[in-house]
Amino acid sequence: MKNHAHDSIGCCCSDKVHQEIANRFFIANEKTDQLITFYKRKIVDSIDTVREEDRLTFFNLSPHADRKVIRAEVITKLEDFQLEKESGESVPYHVIERDILDPGLIDRQIVHYGNYEPFYKYTIEIQLALPALSYDTLFVALEQSADQSEVAATTEIEAENITTSLYEVTVNPNGTIDLVDRRTGQAFEGLLLLEDSADDGDEYDYSPLLGDQPISSHSSRPTIKRADSRWGTRLTVSHDLKVPYNLEERKNGHSSSHVKVTLELDFIHDEPVIGLVVSVDNVANDHRLRIHLPTTLQSQVSFSDHQFGEIKRPFIDDALQVWEKEDWDERPDGIFPMLSYVGVKDNETNHGLGIITNSSREFEVIPNPSPTIAITLFRSVDVLGKEELVRRPGRPSGIKLPTLDSQMLGTYAFEFGFTMLRPEDELSSIAKRYLTPFVTYNKIPHDAMRLNPTGLRLKAASHLFSLTDNGLLMSTLKKAEQVDGLILRVYNPTDQVIPLSFESGLPDHLFEVDLNEEGSKDVRSAIQQNIYFVKPNQLKTILMK
């Protein structure tokens, strides 16, 4: 929050201010990433084991046990290797890619002393089960079976079916997919249609261009490729959409520009969330690019998350009938923000569709002919404030200052996931699990920066505690600021009262404190008896000793 200037949290600033804010975030992210790497290294360096090989350590940062398919990097001088547990048991993996690294990129002292033998960087796929809040270590040993060393092959297709344990997927020639949930029979067709429309708005608000005809990928014939691995399939769909260069071309019905869009979908055999990364190379101006996920659900409301809970909104605001008559400043369209997810469920069956985001956070549910969730990838405009918009008549919302950087020219990547929902599924829990991936640290003998020994002797695998997976979400686990202990913060995004309870590792002392970590209400007995309740949209902070 301290990185932002006035209005910049809504992306409403001059180009110079946005450049300064971006630089602040770059520095903050770099410090954070390096600090995380530092502590991962301290843990892995402190593992006391008789094994002398390089290490690949996996961390589960969730308070629940989980099994995931992970993509990880292994840097080694071995041309063939296998991953082993400390006991010597081999763990299967699949090589996605292998690159040769100059040793000077690892540590310049290596080449300084005349050693030019290259390193290999492997991108691998591996499936592991980890306890809650834990780490586990594999060792990079010499030799491996032939099937592990083969790099995954990519094949070009026109249309094809993909089957996982949960879904039947039909890939259509235009790059959309039809999806059937094998557990329930629920089916949706034409998912992932691209829509490009004019944006006659400003940094504050989207506004359509009167008479505009949106361009879609319905008639597109993209390049479609698939790569199969041991645990799933990656589908790559590459579009080249012909679009107008600016608003003038749209008004005149011309299209002299292109937007290249690549969708990478990951179908993991036993994973309910389908991973999606959308990469865009934008060279056009004054437009909005969205991705559509149409449904056949009977519903009038969406649900999405805010800071510590969930909010339901109608697709169409009743005020649309009166906003002009009552002289509102802005038309109340159904374009809304989300933090990490948005979903729609059927009124009768309670089946549904959910979208999870780790990037763009704007959506609209288009009600007709049936609910279609439209996710905004980006908006491209050239002015801070603009007057007389279709959606906001009258004065500019901000000053009329050119902001050419807001045309979003260049290459961008957007990360999402989407999933079919059963009646018992809580999208909040699914999104939290998906957005909390296992992280890794690859320990090799060469370190560009030397560290003093920690003096600790850690096991090759360890875990802290486990919470009952009942719908409560953990937002924070950190060291206490004033005393010796840990701070656990949980919140309830559901519409039910839920107890906080531990599956394992119940601490000796548990105290409820406020957000300033003050107060000392003893709640261990209530938590142990499963009667310490968290209300809907409520958060609780617990000091653990």
Protein backbone atom coordinates (compact mmCIF):
# COMPACT_ATOMS: atom_id res chain seq x y z
CA MET A 1 0.00 0.00 0.00
CA LYS A 2 2.86 2.40 0.78
CA ASN A 3 4.08 2.04 -2.81
CA HIS A 4 0.93 3.67 -4.16
CA ALA A 5 0.21 7.32 -4.86
CA HIS A 6 -3.25 8.90 -4.79
CA ASP A 7 -5.64 6.93 -7.05
CA SER A 8 -2.83 4.70 -8.30
CA ILE A 9 -4.31 1.60 -6.65
CA GLY A 10 -6.99 1.97 -9.33
CA CYS A 11 -4.32 2.57 -12.02
CA CYS A 12 -5.37 6.21 -12.43
CA CYS A 13 -2.18 8.27 -12.61
CA SER A 14 0.19 9.93 -15.05
CA ASP A 15 2.76 7.82 -16.87
CA LYS A 16 5.61 9.18 -14.74
CA VAL A 17 3.84 8.28 -11.51
CA HIS A 18 3.05 4.78 -12.80
CA GLN A 19 6.70 4.28 -13.78
CA GLU A 20 7.82 5.27 -10.27
CA ILE A 21 5.24 2.97 -8.66
CA ALA A 22 6.32 0.09 -10.91
CA ASN A 23 9.93 0.67 -9.84
CA ARG A 24 8.89 0.61 -6.17
CA PHE A 25 7.13 -2.71 -6.70
CA PHE A 26 10.12 -4.10 -8.57
CA ILE A 27 12.37 -3.29 -5.61
CA ALA A 28 9.84 -4.65 -3.10
CA ASN A 29 9.38 -7.87 -5.06
CA GLU A 30 13.13 -8.33 -5.48
CA LYS A 31 13.73 -7.90 -1.75
CA THR A 32 10.88 -10.27 -0.90
CA ASP A 33 11.98 -12.94 -3.40
CA GLN A 34 15.60 -12.80 -2.22
CA LEU A 35 14.54 -12.99 1.42
CA ILE A 36 12.39 -16.06 0.72
CA THR A 37 15.28 -17.68 -1.18
CA PHE A 38 17.63 -16.83 1.70
CA TYR A 39 15.46 -18.60 4.29
CA LYS A 40 14.82 -21.59 2.06
CA ARG A 41 18.57 -21.92 1.63
CA LYS A 42 19.20 -21.64 5.38
CA ILE A 43 16.75 -24.50 6.01
CA VAL A 44 18.20 -26.73 3.27
CA ASP A 45 21.80 -25.93 4.25
CA SER A 46 21.00 -26.99 7.82
CA ILE A 47 19.71 -30.47 6.93
CA ASP A 48 21.80 -33.05 8.74
CA THR A 49 22.13 -36.15 6.53
CA VAL A 50 24.69 -38.70 5.43
CA ARG A 51 23.67 -38.12 1.81
CA GLU A 52 26.24 -36.01 -0.04
CA GLU A 53 24.38 -35.40 -3.32
CA ASP A 54 22.74 -32.15 -4.41
CA ARG A 55 19.32 -31.55 -2.87
CA LEU A 56 15.89 -30.62 -4.19
CA THR A 57 13.66 -29.58 -1.30
CA PHE A 58 9.89 -29.05 -1.58
CA PHE A 59 7.89 -26.80 0.77
CA ASN A 60 4.13 -26.98 1.43
CA LEU A 61 3.01 -23.57 2.76
CA SER A 62 -0.61 -24.64 3.26
CA PRO A 63 -2.07 -25.70 6.66
CA HIS A 64 -3.49 -28.79 4.92
CA ALA A 65 -1.79 -31.89 3.57
CA ASP A 66 -1.84 -32.07 -0.22
CA ARG A 67 -0.67 -33.95 -3.29
CA LYS A 68 0.37 -31.84 -6.27
CA VAL A 69 2.06 -32.07 -9.63
CA ILE A 70 4.90 -29.54 -9.56
CA ARG A 71 7.18 -28.09 -12.20
CA ALA A 72 10.64 -27.59 -10.74
CA GLU A 73 14.15 -26.73 -11.92
CA VAL A 74 17.16 -28.94 -11.27
CA ILE A 75 20.63 -27.55 -12.01
CA THR A 76 23.34 -30.21 -12.13
CA LYS A 77 26.43 -31.35 -14.03
CA LEU A 78 24.93 -34.82 -14.35
CA GLU A 79 23.67 -35.77 -17.80
CA ASP A 80 21.57 -38.52 -16.23
CA PHE A 81 20.19 -38.44 -12.72
CA GLN A 82 17.47 -39.84 -10.54
CA LEU A 83 15.69 -38.33 -7.56
CA GLU A 84 15.83 -40.31 -4.34
CA LYS A 85 14.41 -39.98 -0.87
CA GLU A 86 16.85 -40.04 2.02
CA SER A 87 16.15 -43.79 2.35
CA GLY A 88 17.28 -44.37 -1.25
CA GLU A 89 13.78 -44.91 -2.68
CA SER A 90 13.56 -43.57 -6.23
CA VAL A 91 10.87 -40.96 -7.02
CA PRO A 92 9.63 -40.78 -10.64
CA TYR A 93 9.67 -37.53 -12.58
CA HIS A 94 9.28 -36.33 -16.17
CA VAL A 95 11.68 -34.06 -18.05
CA ILE A 96 9.94 -31.16 -19.77
CA GLU A 97 13.01 -29.31 -21.02
CA ARG A 98 16.81 -29.43 -20.78
CA ASP A 99 19.08 -26.41 -21.33
CA ILE A 100 22.86 -25.99 -21.15
CA LEU A 101 24.08 -23.31 -18.71
CA ASP A 102 27.39 -21.48 -18.81
CA PRO A 103 29.16 -22.19 -15.48
CA GLY A 104 29.87 -18.49 -15.09
CA LEU A 105 26.14 -17.94 -14.54
CA ILE A 106 26.32 -20.25 -11.53
CA ASP A 107 29.46 -18.80 -9.95
CA ARG A 108 32.00 -16.69 -11.83
CA GLN A 109 34.77 -18.17 -9.68
CA ILE A 110 34.29 -21.48 -11.51
CA VAL A 111 35.40 -20.09 -14.88
CA HIS A 112 37.93 -17.82 -13.17
CA TYR A 113 39.93 -20.96 -12.36
CA GLY A 114 39.57 -22.34 -15.89
CA ASN A 115 36.69 -24.79 -15.45
CA TYR A 116 34.36 -24.41 -18.44
CA GLU A 117 32.45 -27.67 -18.03
CA PRO A 118 28.77 -26.75 -18.54
CA PHE A 119 25.84 -27.23 -16.19
CA TYR A 120 22.46 -28.59 -17.25
CA LYS A 121 19.20 -26.96 -16.23
CA TYR A 122 16.32 -29.42 -16.26
CA THR A 123 12.69 -28.40 -16.05
CA ILE A 124 10.95 -31.42 -14.58
CA GLU A 125 7.43 -32.41 -13.62
CA ILE A 126 6.97 -34.44 -10.45
CA GLN A 127 4.08 -35.47 -8.22
CA LEU A 128 4.54 -35.35 -4.46
CA ALA A 129 2.38 -35.63 -1.35
CA LEU A 130 3.40 -33.36 1.53
CA PRO A 131 2.01 -32.91 5.05
CA ALA A 132 0.68 -29.51 6.09
CA LEU A 133 3.23 -26.74 6.64
CA SER A 134 6.12 -29.02 5.83
CA TYR A 135 9.17 -29.63 3.72
CA ASP A 136 10.67 -32.79 2.23
CA THR A 137 14.00 -33.34 0.53
CA LEU A 138 14.98 -35.41 -2.49
CA PHE A 139 18.56 -36.06 -3.52
CA VAL A 140 19.92 -35.70 -7.07
CA ALA A 141 21.74 -39.00 -7.57
CA LEU A 142 23.70 -40.37 -10.53
CA GLU A 143 21.84 -42.53 -13.09
CA GLN A 144 18.18 -42.75 -13.94
CA SER A 145 15.81 -44.88 -15.95
CA ALA A 146 15.52 -44.09 -19.65
CA ASP A 147 11.87 -43.10 -19.51
CA GLN A 148 12.69 -40.25 -17.12
CA SER A 149 15.40 -38.75 -19.32
CA GLU A 150 13.22 -38.32 -22.38
CA VAL A 151 12.16 -34.75 -23.01
CA ALA A 152 8.40 -34.31 -23.48
CA ALA A 153 7.38 -34.21 -27.16
CA THR A 154 5.03 -31.56 -28.57
CA THR A 155 2.66 -32.36 -31.44
CA GLU A 156 0.53 -30.01 -33.53
CA ILE A 157 -3.17 -30.86 -33.72
CA GLU A 158 -6.32 -29.44 -35.29
CA ALA A 159 -8.97 -30.76 -32.90
CA GLU A 160 -8.71 -33.53 -30.37
CA ASN A 161 -10.08 -34.99 -27.15
CA ILE A 162 -8.26 -34.93 -23.82
CA THR A 163 -9.34 -37.16 -20.95
CA THR A 164 -8.38 -36.84 -17.30
CA SER A 165 -9.81 -38.65 -14.30
CA LEU A 166 -12.17 -35.69 -13.77
CA TYR A 167 -12.87 -34.19 -17.22
CA GLU A 168 -13.63 -34.99 -20.82
CA VAL A 169 -12.25 -32.18 -22.98
CA THR A 170 -12.98 -31.53 -26.65
CA VAL A 171 -10.63 -29.09 -28.37
CA ASN A 172 -12.48 -27.20 -31.12
CA PRO A 173 -10.82 -25.91 -34.33
CA ASN A 174 -11.30 -22.28 -33.22
CA GLY A 175 -9.34 -22.89 -30.01
CA THR A 176 -12.29 -23.04 -27.64
CA ILE A 177 -12.92 -26.14 -25.55
CA ASP A 178 -15.98 -28.13 -24.54
CA LEU A 179 -15.76 -29.46 -21.00
CA VAL A 180 -17.66 -32.33 -19.34
CA ASP A 181 -17.35 -33.07 -15.64
CA ARG A 182 -17.09 -36.87 -15.42
CA ARG A 183 -18.21 -36.76 -11.76
CA THR A 184 -21.54 -35.02 -12.38
CA GLY A 185 -22.16 -35.00 -16.16
CA GLN A 186 -22.30 -31.18 -16.18
CA ALA A 187 -21.14 -29.83 -19.55
CA PHE A 188 -20.15 -26.41 -20.89
CA GLU A 189 -19.32 -25.61 -24.52
CA GLY A 190 -17.20 -22.94 -26.21
CA LEU A 191 -15.05 -22.00 -23.23
CA LEU A 192 -12.13 -19.57 -23.71
CA LEU A 193 -13.55 -17.51 -26.58
CA LEU A 194 -11.64 -14.25 -27.05
CA GLU A 195 -13.52 -10.95 -27.43
CA ASP A 196 -11.88 -7.69 -28.54
CA SER A 197 -13.94 -4.51 -28.41
CA ALA A 198 -13.36 -0.77 -28.59
CA ASP A 199 -12.54 1.08 -25.37
CA ASP A 200 -13.59 4.73 -25.60
CA GLY A 201 -13.01 5.25 -21.87
CA ASP A 202 -10.20 6.52 -19.67
CA GLU A 203 -8.05 5.15 -16.87
CA TYR A 204 -11.00 5.31 -14.48
CA ASP A 205 -13.73 3.63 -16.51
CA TYR A 206 -14.29 1.42 -19.50
CA SER A 207 -16.75 2.87 -21.98
CA PRO A 208 -17.97 1.32 -25.24
CA LEU A 209 -17.83 3.02 -28.62
CA LEU A 210 -21.29 3.59 -30.04
CA GLY A 211 -21.89 1.31 -33.03
CA ASP A 212 -18.87 -0.88 -32.31
CA GLN A 213 -18.97 -4.51 -33.40
CA PRO A 214 -16.77 -6.60 -31.08
CA ILE A 215 -14.32 -8.99 -32.73
CA SER A 216 -14.18 -12.56 -31.46
CA SER A 217 -12.10 -15.67 -32.08
CA HIS A 218 -15.20 -17.61 -33.14
CA SER A 219 -13.95 -17.91 -36.73
CA SER A 220 -10.28 -18.05 -35.79
CA ARG A 221 -8.13 -21.00 -36.83
CA PRO A 222 -5.29 -20.91 -34.32
CA THR A 223 -2.26 -23.17 -34.13
CA ILE A 224 -2.96 -25.84 -31.51
CA LYS A 225 -0.25 -28.00 -29.95
CA ARG A 226 -0.30 -30.58 -27.19
CA ALA A 227 2.46 -32.06 -25.03
CA ASP A 228 1.73 -35.13 -22.91
CA SER A 229 3.56 -35.99 -19.73
CA ARG A 230 3.29 -38.67 -17.09
CA TRP A 231 0.61 -36.77 -15.16
CA GLY A 232 -1.29 -34.75 -17.73
CA THR A 233 -1.40 -32.70 -20.92
CA ARG A 234 -0.37 -29.15 -21.76
CA LEU A 235 -2.37 -27.57 -24.58
CA THR A 236 -1.04 -24.47 -26.38
CA VAL A 237 -3.46 -22.42 -28.50
CA SER A 238 -1.93 -19.55 -30.51
CA HIS A 239 -4.26 -16.94 -32.03
CA ASP A 240 -3.44 -14.06 -34.35
CA LEU A 241 -6.48 -11.75 -34.20
CA LYS A 242 -6.87 -9.04 -36.81
CA VAL A 243 -8.11 -5.88 -35.05
CA PRO A 244 -8.36 -2.12 -35.74
CA TYR A 245 -5.28 -0.09 -34.87
CA ASN A 246 -7.24 2.62 -33.01
CA LEU A 247 -10.72 4.12 -32.50
CA GLU A 248 -10.70 5.86 -35.88
CA GLU A 249 -10.18 2.56 -37.70
CA ARG A 250 -13.00 1.00 -35.67
CA LYS A 251 -15.34 3.82 -36.62
CA ASN A 252 -14.42 3.33 -40.28
CA GLY A 253 -14.65 -0.47 -40.17
CA HIS A 254 -10.95 -1.05 -40.91
CA SER A 255 -8.56 -3.52 -39.26
CA SER A 256 -4.87 -2.99 -40.00
CA SER A 257 -3.39 -4.33 -36.77
CA HIS A 258 -3.00 -7.70 -35.02
CA VAL A 259 -3.08 -8.98 -31.47
CA LYS A 260 -1.27 -12.26 -30.84
CA VAL A 261 -2.76 -14.30 -28.00
CA THR A 262 -1.39 -17.61 -26.73
CA LEU A 263 -3.31 -19.75 -24.24
CA GLU A 264 -1.46 -22.46 -22.30
CA LEU A 265 -3.76 -24.92 -20.56
CA ASP A 266 -2.60 -27.56 -18.10
CA PHE A 267 -4.84 -30.61 -17.65
CA ILE A 268 -3.55 -32.65 -14.70
CA HIS A 269 -5.14 -36.09 -14.42
CA ASP A 270 -6.54 -35.82 -10.86
CA GLU A 271 -6.59 -32.03 -10.49
CA PRO A 272 -10.00 -30.23 -10.49
CA VAL A 273 -8.48 -26.86 -11.51
CA ILE A 274 -7.38 -26.44 -15.12
CA GLY A 275 -4.39 -24.11 -15.26
CA LEU A 276 -4.47 -21.27 -17.78
CA VAL A 277 -1.78 -18.76 -18.76
CA VAL A 278 -2.74 -16.17 -21.38
CA SER A 279 0.14 -14.38 -23.11
CA VAL A 280 -0.66 -11.30 -25.22
CA ASP A 281 1.49 -9.33 -27.65
CA ASN A 282 -0.42 -6.08 -28.08
CA VAL A 283 0.37 -3.54 -30.81
CA ALA A 284 -3.12 -2.00 -31.08
CA ASN A 285 -4.67 0.97 -29.27
CA ASP A 286 -8.01 1.87 -27.66
CA HIS A 287 -9.44 -1.58 -27.06
CA ARG A 288 -10.42 -4.09 -24.38
CA LEU A 289 -9.55 -7.79 -24.59
CA ARG A 290 -11.62 -10.30 -22.63
CA ILE A 291 -11.92 -14.07 -22.41
CA HIS A 292 -15.38 -15.66 -22.27
CA LEU A 293 -16.48 -18.77 -20.39
CA PRO A 294 -20.13 -19.44 -21.31
CA THR A 295 -22.33 -21.67 -19.15
CA THR A 296 -25.79 -23.26 -19.28
CA LEU A 297 -26.53 -22.41 -15.65
CA GLN A 298 -29.82 -20.99 -14.44
CA SER A 299 -28.72 -18.14 -12.21
CA GLN A 300 -28.99 -14.39 -11.71
CA VAL A 301 -26.10 -13.79 -9.30
CA SER A 302 -22.32 -14.21 -9.18
CA PHE A 303 -20.15 -14.65 -6.13
CA SER A 304 -16.60 -13.41 -5.69
CA ASP A 305 -14.19 -12.70 -2.86
CA HIS A 306 -13.13 -9.54 -1.08
CA GLN A 307 -10.53 -9.09 1.67
CA PHE A 308 -11.94 -11.48 4.27
CA GLY A 309 -15.10 -12.90 2.80
CA GLU A 310 -17.40 -13.32 -0.17
CA ILE A 311 -19.95 -11.08 -1.88
CA LYS A 312 -22.89 -11.97 -4.12
CA ARG A 313 -23.98 -9.60 -6.87
CA PRO A 314 -26.80 -9.68 -9.44
CA PHE A 315 -25.74 -9.83 -13.08
CA ILE A 316 -27.88 -6.74 -13.83
CA ASP A 317 -28.34 -3.89 -11.37
CA ASP A 318 -31.97 -2.76 -11.01
CA ALA A 319 -30.72 0.82 -11.06
CA LEU A 320 -30.04 0.49 -14.80
CA GLN A 321 -33.72 1.33 -15.26
CA VAL A 322 -33.51 4.64 -13.39
CA TRP A 323 -29.92 5.91 -13.47
CA GLU A 324 -30.54 8.49 -16.19
CA LYS A 325 -33.88 9.57 -14.75
CA GLU A 326 -32.32 10.04 -11.32
CA ASP A 327 -29.31 11.84 -12.83
CA TRP A 328 -26.63 9.41 -11.71
CA ASP A 329 -23.04 10.30 -12.65
CA GLU A 330 -22.28 6.82 -14.01
CA ARG A 331 -24.22 3.91 -15.50
CA PRO A 332 -24.18 0.98 -13.01
CA ASP A 333 -22.99 -1.77 -15.36
CA GLY A 334 -22.17 -5.19 -13.94
CA ILE A 335 -18.39 -4.82 -14.23
CA PHE A 336 -16.91 -5.76 -10.86
CA PRO A 337 -13.59 -6.46 -9.12
CA MET A 338 -12.53 -9.73 -7.52
CA LEU A 339 -9.50 -10.64 -5.45
CA SER A 340 -8.86 -14.26 -6.35
CA TYR A 341 -12.01 -15.88 -7.75
CA VAL A 342 -15.47 -15.49 -9.25
CA GLY A 343 -18.11 -18.15 -9.74
CA VAL A 344 -21.67 -18.86 -10.79
CA LYS A 345 -23.83 -21.72 -9.48
CA ASP A 346 -27.13 -23.08 -10.78
CA ASN A 347 -30.22 -22.16 -8.76
CA GLU A 348 -31.54 -25.75 -8.77
CA THR A 349 -28.62 -28.18 -9.04
CA ASN A 350 -25.98 -26.00 -7.32
CA HIS A 351 -23.47 -27.10 -9.97
CA GLY A 352 -21.33 -24.31 -11.30
CA LEU A 353 -18.21 -22.84 -12.85
CA GLY A 354 -15.43 -20.97 -11.06
CA ILE A 355 -12.51 -18.88 -12.31
CA ILE A 356 -9.41 -18.26 -10.19
CA THR A 357 -7.03 -15.40 -10.90
CA ASN A 358 -3.45 -14.57 -10.01
CA SER A 359 -3.36 -11.50 -12.23
CA SER A 360 -6.24 -9.53 -13.80
CA ARG A 361 -9.12 -9.05 -11.33
CA GLU A 362 -12.08 -7.64 -13.28
CA PHE A 363 -15.12 -9.59 -14.46
CA GLU A 364 -18.62 -9.25 -15.83
CA VAL A 365 -21.30 -11.90 -16.10
CA ILE A 366 -23.20 -11.44 -19.37
CA PRO A 367 -26.70 -12.86 -18.66
CA ASN A 368 -28.01 -13.60 -22.16
CA PRO A 369 -28.61 -16.05 -23.71
CA SER A 370 -27.15 -17.84 -20.67
CA PRO A 371 -24.64 -16.65 -18.07
CA THR A 372 -21.19 -16.07 -19.58
CA ILE A 373 -18.33 -15.11 -17.30
CA ALA A 374 -16.19 -12.51 -19.09
CA ILE A 375 -12.74 -11.89 -17.60
CA THR A 376 -10.96 -8.67 -18.60
CA LEU A 377 -7.38 -9.38 -19.66
CA PHE A 378 -6.48 -5.73 -20.19
CA ARG A 379 -7.81 -2.34 -21.25
CA SER A 380 -5.93 -0.04 -23.64
CA VAL A 381 -6.58 3.72 -23.33
CA ASP A 382 -4.56 6.91 -23.80
CA VAL A 383 -5.94 9.45 -21.35
CA LEU A 384 -6.23 9.82 -17.58
CA GLY A 385 -9.69 11.43 -17.66
CA LYS A 386 -12.13 11.80 -20.54
CA GLU A 387 -15.42 13.68 -20.80
CA GLU A 388 -18.81 12.63 -22.22
CA LEU A 389 -18.42 8.86 -22.05
CA VAL A 390 -21.32 6.58 -22.92
CA ARG A 391 -21.21 5.09 -19.41
CA ARG A 392 -20.28 8.35 -17.65
CA PRO A 393 -21.64 11.48 -19.34
CA GLY A 394 -20.42 14.91 -18.31
CA ARG A 395 -17.06 16.06 -17.02
CA PRO A 396 -13.91 13.91 -16.97
CA SER A 397 -13.47 11.79 -13.87
CA GLY A 398 -9.88 13.02 -13.72
CA ILE A 399 -7.84 15.59 -15.58
CA LYS A 400 -7.56 15.21 -19.34
CA LEU A 401 -3.89 14.20 -19.36
CA PRO A 402 -2.38 11.95 -22.07
CA THR A 403 -1.16 8.61 -20.68
CA LEU A 404 0.36 6.75 -23.61
CA ASP A 405 1.74 3.97 -21.40
CA SER A 406 -1.83 2.99 -20.61
CA GLN A 407 -2.22 1.75 -24.18
CA MET A 408 -0.59 -1.41 -22.80
CA LEU A 409 1.63 -1.91 -25.83
CA GLY A 410 3.98 -4.84 -25.45
CA THR A 411 3.89 -8.41 -24.15
CA TYR A 412 1.97 -9.45 -21.04
CA ALA A 413 1.09 -12.71 -19.31
CA PHE A 414 -2.02 -13.40 -17.21
CA GLU A 415 -2.42 -16.39 -14.88
CA PHE A 416 -5.75 -18.07 -14.20
CA GLY A 417 -7.36 -21.38 -13.38
CA PHE A 418 -10.92 -22.58 -13.88
CA THR A 419 -12.90 -25.46 -12.45
CA MET A 420 -16.29 -27.14 -12.57
CA LEU A 421 -18.11 -26.88 -9.23
CA ARG A 422 -20.14 -29.57 -7.48
CA PRO A 423 -22.77 -28.66 -4.85
CA GLU A 424 -20.37 -29.45 -2.01
CA ASP A 425 -17.43 -27.50 -3.44
CA GLU A 426 -16.31 -24.22 -1.83
CA LEU A 427 -14.59 -22.13 -4.49
CA SER A 428 -12.84 -20.14 -1.76
CA SER A 429 -11.00 -23.25 -0.54
CA ILE A 430 -10.27 -24.44 -4.09
CA ALA A 431 -8.82 -21.04 -5.01
CA LYS A 432 -6.68 -20.87 -1.86
CA ARG A 433 -5.27 -24.33 -2.56
CA TYR A 434 -4.56 -23.49 -6.22
CA LEU A 435 -2.88 -20.18 -5.34
CA THR A 436 -0.66 -21.83 -2.70
CA PRO A 437 1.68 -23.99 -4.80
CA PHE A 438 4.51 -26.10 -3.48
CA VAL A 439 7.78 -24.17 -3.74
CA THR A 440 11.27 -25.62 -4.19
CA TYR A 441 14.93 -24.99 -3.48
CA ASN A 442 17.72 -26.71 -5.43
CA LYS A 443 20.91 -26.96 -3.36
CA ILE A 444 24.11 -27.34 -5.39
CA PRO A 445 27.75 -27.12 -4.22
CA HIS A 446 28.32 -23.71 -5.83
CA ASP A 447 26.92 -20.59 -4.16
CA ALA A 448 27.67 -17.10 -5.41
CA MET A 449 27.29 -15.83 -1.81
CA ARG A 450 28.78 -17.62 1.20
CA LEU A 451 26.78 -17.87 4.43
CA ASN A 452 27.84 -18.64 7.96
CA PRO A 453 26.58 -22.00 9.31
CA THR A 454 23.26 -21.73 11.17
CA GLY A 455 24.28 -24.14 13.93
CA LEU A 456 21.03 -26.04 13.39
CA ARG A 457 20.73 -29.75 12.62
CA LEU A 458 17.44 -30.32 10.79
CA LYS A 459 15.82 -33.47 9.47
CA ALA A 460 15.46 -34.06 5.74
CA ALA A 461 11.68 -33.77 6.21
CA SER A 462 9.63 -32.02 8.86
CA HIS A 463 6.22 -30.43 9.48
CA LEU A 464 4.69 -27.91 11.91
CA PHE A 465 0.94 -28.45 12.43
CA SER A 466 -2.24 -29.15 10.46
CA LEU A 467 -5.61 -27.38 10.56
CA THR A 468 -8.91 -29.14 9.89
CA ASP A 469 -9.90 -28.53 6.27
CA ASN A 470 -13.44 -27.28 6.96
CA GLY A 471 -13.64 -24.03 4.98
CA LEU A 472 -11.63 -21.67 7.20
CA LEU A 473 -8.72 -20.10 5.33
CA MET A 474 -5.33 -19.19 6.76
CA SER A 475 -4.22 -15.73 5.66
CA THR A 476 -1.13 -15.36 7.87
CA LEU A 477 1.38 -17.48 9.75
CA LYS A 478 4.34 -15.45 11.03
CA LYS A 479 6.54 -14.75 14.04
CA ALA A 480 4.89 -12.62 16.71
CA GLU A 481 6.11 -9.02 16.85
CA GLN A 482 6.38 -8.56 20.63
CA VAL A 483 6.76 -12.00 22.20
CA ASP A 484 8.26 -15.40 21.48
CA GLY A 485 5.58 -17.21 19.48
CA LEU A 486 3.76 -17.53 16.17
CA ILE A 487 0.77 -15.57 14.92
CA LEU A 488 -1.94 -17.54 13.09
CA ARG A 489 -4.68 -15.59 11.33
CA VAL A 490 -7.72 -17.30 9.82
CA TYR A 491 -10.95 -16.02 8.28
CA ASN A 492 -14.29 -17.47 7.22
CA PRO A 493 -15.35 -16.71 3.62
CA THR A 494 -18.41 -19.00 3.75
CA ASP A 495 -21.98 -18.31 4.91
CA GLN A 496 -21.73 -20.88 7.74
CA VAL A 497 -20.30 -20.66 11.26
CA ILE A 498 -17.14 -22.81 11.35
CA PRO A 499 -14.99 -23.96 14.29
CA LEU A 500 -11.22 -23.53 14.27
CA SER A 501 -9.61 -26.89 15.01
CA PHE A 502 -6.25 -28.62 14.65
CA GLU A 503 -5.82 -32.03 13.06
CA SER A 504 -2.30 -32.36 14.47
CA GLY A 505 0.38 -30.37 16.23
CA LEU A 506 -1.93 -28.54 18.68
CA PRO A 507 0.34 -26.02 20.49
CA ASP A 508 0.58 -25.94 24.27
CA HIS A 509 -0.71 -22.37 24.52
CA LEU A 510 -3.26 -20.57 22.31
CA PHE A 511 -4.43 -17.01 22.93
CA GLU A 512 -6.85 -14.84 20.96
CA VAL A 513 -5.33 -11.44 20.21
CA ASP A 514 -6.35 -8.47 18.08
CA LEU A 515 -4.73 -7.31 14.85
CA ASN A 516 -2.14 -5.40 16.89
CA GLU A 517 -1.30 -8.70 18.59
CA GLU A 518 -2.59 -7.36 21.90
CA GLY A 519 -4.81 -9.21 24.40
CA SER A 520 -4.43 -12.64 25.91
CA LYS A 521 -7.72 -14.55 25.95
CA ASP A 522 -6.89 -18.24 26.50
CA VAL A 523 -8.75 -20.24 23.82
CA ARG A 524 -6.83 -23.52 23.77
CA SER A 525 -9.53 -25.46 25.61
CA ALA A 526 -12.27 -24.15 23.28
CA ILE A 527 -10.23 -25.00 20.19
CA GLN A 528 -9.40 -28.45 21.55
CA GLN A 529 -13.12 -29.07 22.21
CA ASN A 530 -14.04 -27.85 18.72
CA ILE A 531 -16.22 -25.02 20.07
CA TYR A 532 -14.13 -21.98 19.08
CA PHE A 533 -16.26 -20.60 16.26
CA VAL A 534 -15.55 -18.14 13.46
CA LYS A 535 -18.58 -16.36 11.98
CA PRO A 536 -19.08 -15.67 8.25
CA ASN A 537 -16.77 -12.88 7.01
CA GLN A 538 -15.02 -12.82 10.39
CA LEU A 539 -11.29 -13.13 11.02
CA LYS A 540 -9.50 -14.39 14.13
CA THR A 541 -5.89 -13.86 15.20
CA ILE A 542 -4.29 -16.50 17.44
CA LEU A 543 -1.00 -16.28 19.32
CA MET A 544 0.60 -19.72 19.51
CA LYS A 545 3.30 -20.60 22.04
